[in-house]
Amino acid sequence: MPELDQGANAALEDAGVLVELFSARPHALHDMLETYTKIGQPRCTALIEGSRSMCIKTKSSNAAFLNRAVLTLLAVAARWGFNDAWAYDYNQEVVRALAASDEAKVVGSI
């Protein structure tokens, strides 16, 4: 269901995350792969759910109702903000994940 056309973007983001993680910790392969999964899974889930949602909306027999519902949701989102999953910056996620990893190691060594 490539309804959002985000496959290539997601692949480039994944490559960027992996480069940043392995550059920061080149000898911690297993730990960095776990960190990569923690960073990427919420984004991937959001893309899958968004794609499914768009597929349902575009394949519905009641398109007028769905169009009205989508416009209403967009108006609400414009007033109270959009989901950060669509304005993604993987560098921020990598920095946070590495900081949390360092903090966990310090706490674990005490």
Protein backbone atom coordinates (compact mmCIF):
# COMPACT_ATOMS: atom_id res chain seq x y z
CA MET A 1 0.00 0.00 0.00
CA PRO A 2 2.29 2.80 -1.15
CA GLU A 3 -0.39 5.41 -0.53
CA LEU A 4 1.89 8.00 1.09
CA ASP A 5 4.87 7.68 -1.30
CA GLN A 6 7.23 7.61 1.68
CA GLY A 7 9.24 4.44 0.93
CA ALA A 8 12.31 6.13 -0.56
CA ASN A 9 12.26 8.86 2.09
CA ALA A 10 12.08 6.28 4.87
CA ALA A 11 15.00 4.36 3.35
CA LEU A 12 17.13 7.52 3.22
CA GLU A 13 16.20 8.40 6.81
CA ASP A 14 17.12 4.87 7.92
CA ALA A 15 20.48 5.17 6.17
CA GLY A 16 21.09 8.50 7.90
CA VAL A 17 20.23 7.08 11.31
CA LEU A 18 22.52 4.08 10.80
CA VAL A 19 25.42 6.29 9.64
CA GLU A 20 25.03 8.57 12.67
CA LEU A 21 24.78 5.67 15.12
CA PHE A 22 27.72 3.70 13.76
CA SER A 23 29.83 6.85 13.47
CA ALA A 24 29.19 7.60 17.13
CA ARG A 25 29.77 4.02 18.36
CA PRO A 26 31.58 2.00 15.66
CA HIS A 27 32.39 -0.92 17.99
CA ALA A 28 28.94 -1.33 19.54
CA LEU A 29 27.18 -3.01 16.61
CA HIS A 30 24.55 -4.91 18.61
CA ASP A 31 23.71 -1.94 20.86
CA MET A 32 23.44 0.44 17.91
CA LEU A 33 21.14 -1.94 16.02
CA GLU A 34 18.87 -2.09 19.09
CA THR A 35 18.96 1.71 19.30
CA TYR A 36 18.16 1.94 15.57
CA THR A 37 15.09 -0.25 16.13
CA LYS A 38 13.92 1.93 19.04
CA ILE A 39 14.34 5.06 16.93
CA GLY A 40 12.80 3.72 13.73
CA GLN A 41 9.90 1.59 14.89
CA PRO A 42 7.53 4.43 15.93
CA ARG A 43 8.16 6.26 12.64
CA CYS A 44 7.65 3.10 10.59
CA THR A 45 4.44 2.31 12.46
CA ALA A 46 3.14 5.84 11.82
CA LEU A 47 3.89 5.52 8.10
CA ILE A 48 2.17 2.14 7.86
CA GLU A 49 -0.91 3.38 9.71
CA GLY A 50 -1.00 6.53 7.59
CA SER A 51 -0.75 4.51 4.41
CA ARG A 52 -3.54 2.17 5.49
CA SER A 53 -5.70 5.12 6.46
CA MET A 54 -5.14 6.84 3.11
CA CYS A 55 -5.90 3.61 1.26
CA ILE A 56 -9.20 3.23 3.11
CA LYS A 57 -10.13 6.86 2.41
CA THR A 58 -9.38 6.67 -1.29
CA LYS A 59 -11.10 3.31 -1.79
CA SER A 60 -14.27 4.20 0.14
CA SER A 61 -17.66 4.20 -1.56
CA ASN A 62 -18.60 7.28 0.45
CA ALA A 63 -15.89 9.65 -0.76
CA ALA A 64 -17.82 12.87 -0.02
CA PHE A 65 -18.19 11.97 3.66
CA LEU A 66 -14.53 11.02 3.90
CA ASN A 67 -13.39 14.19 2.15
CA ARG A 68 -15.38 16.27 4.63
CA ALA A 69 -13.92 14.27 7.53
CA VAL A 70 -10.38 14.73 6.23
CA LEU A 71 -10.88 18.48 5.82
CA THR A 72 -12.25 18.67 9.36
CA LEU A 73 -9.25 16.77 10.70
CA LEU A 74 -6.88 19.05 8.80
CA ALA A 75 -8.60 22.10 10.27
CA VAL A 76 -8.22 20.65 13.78
CA ALA A 77 -4.58 19.78 13.10
CA ALA A 78 -3.90 23.29 11.77
CA ARG A 79 -5.27 24.77 14.98
CA TRP A 80 -3.58 22.42 17.48
CA GLY A 81 -0.53 21.24 15.53
CA PHE A 82 0.52 18.32 13.42
CA ASN A 83 1.93 14.97 14.44
CA ASP A 84 5.72 15.16 14.63
CA ALA A 85 6.01 11.86 12.78
CA TRP A 86 5.47 13.76 9.52
CA ALA A 87 8.09 16.43 10.25
CA TYR A 88 10.84 14.01 11.15
CA ASP A 89 14.46 14.87 11.94
CA TYR A 90 16.47 11.71 12.52
CA ASN A 91 19.50 13.61 13.88
CA GLN A 92 17.47 14.69 16.91
CA GLU A 93 16.40 11.09 17.53
CA VAL A 94 19.99 9.82 17.29
CA VAL A 95 21.27 12.45 19.73
CA ARG A 96 18.51 11.62 22.25
CA ALA A 97 19.02 7.86 21.91
CA LEU A 98 22.79 8.09 22.36
CA ALA A 99 22.37 10.36 25.40
CA ALA A 100 19.89 7.91 26.95
CA SER A 101 22.29 5.04 26.24
CA ASP A 102 25.15 6.89 27.94
CA GLU A 103 22.96 7.76 30.92
CA ALA A 104 21.84 4.13 31.31
CA LYS A 105 25.45 2.96 31.30
CA VAL A 106 26.40 5.49 34.00
CA VAL A 107 23.45 4.50 36.18
CA GLY A 108 24.20 0.81 35.63
CA SER A 109 27.82 1.22 36.71
CA ILE A 110 26.93 2.83 40.05
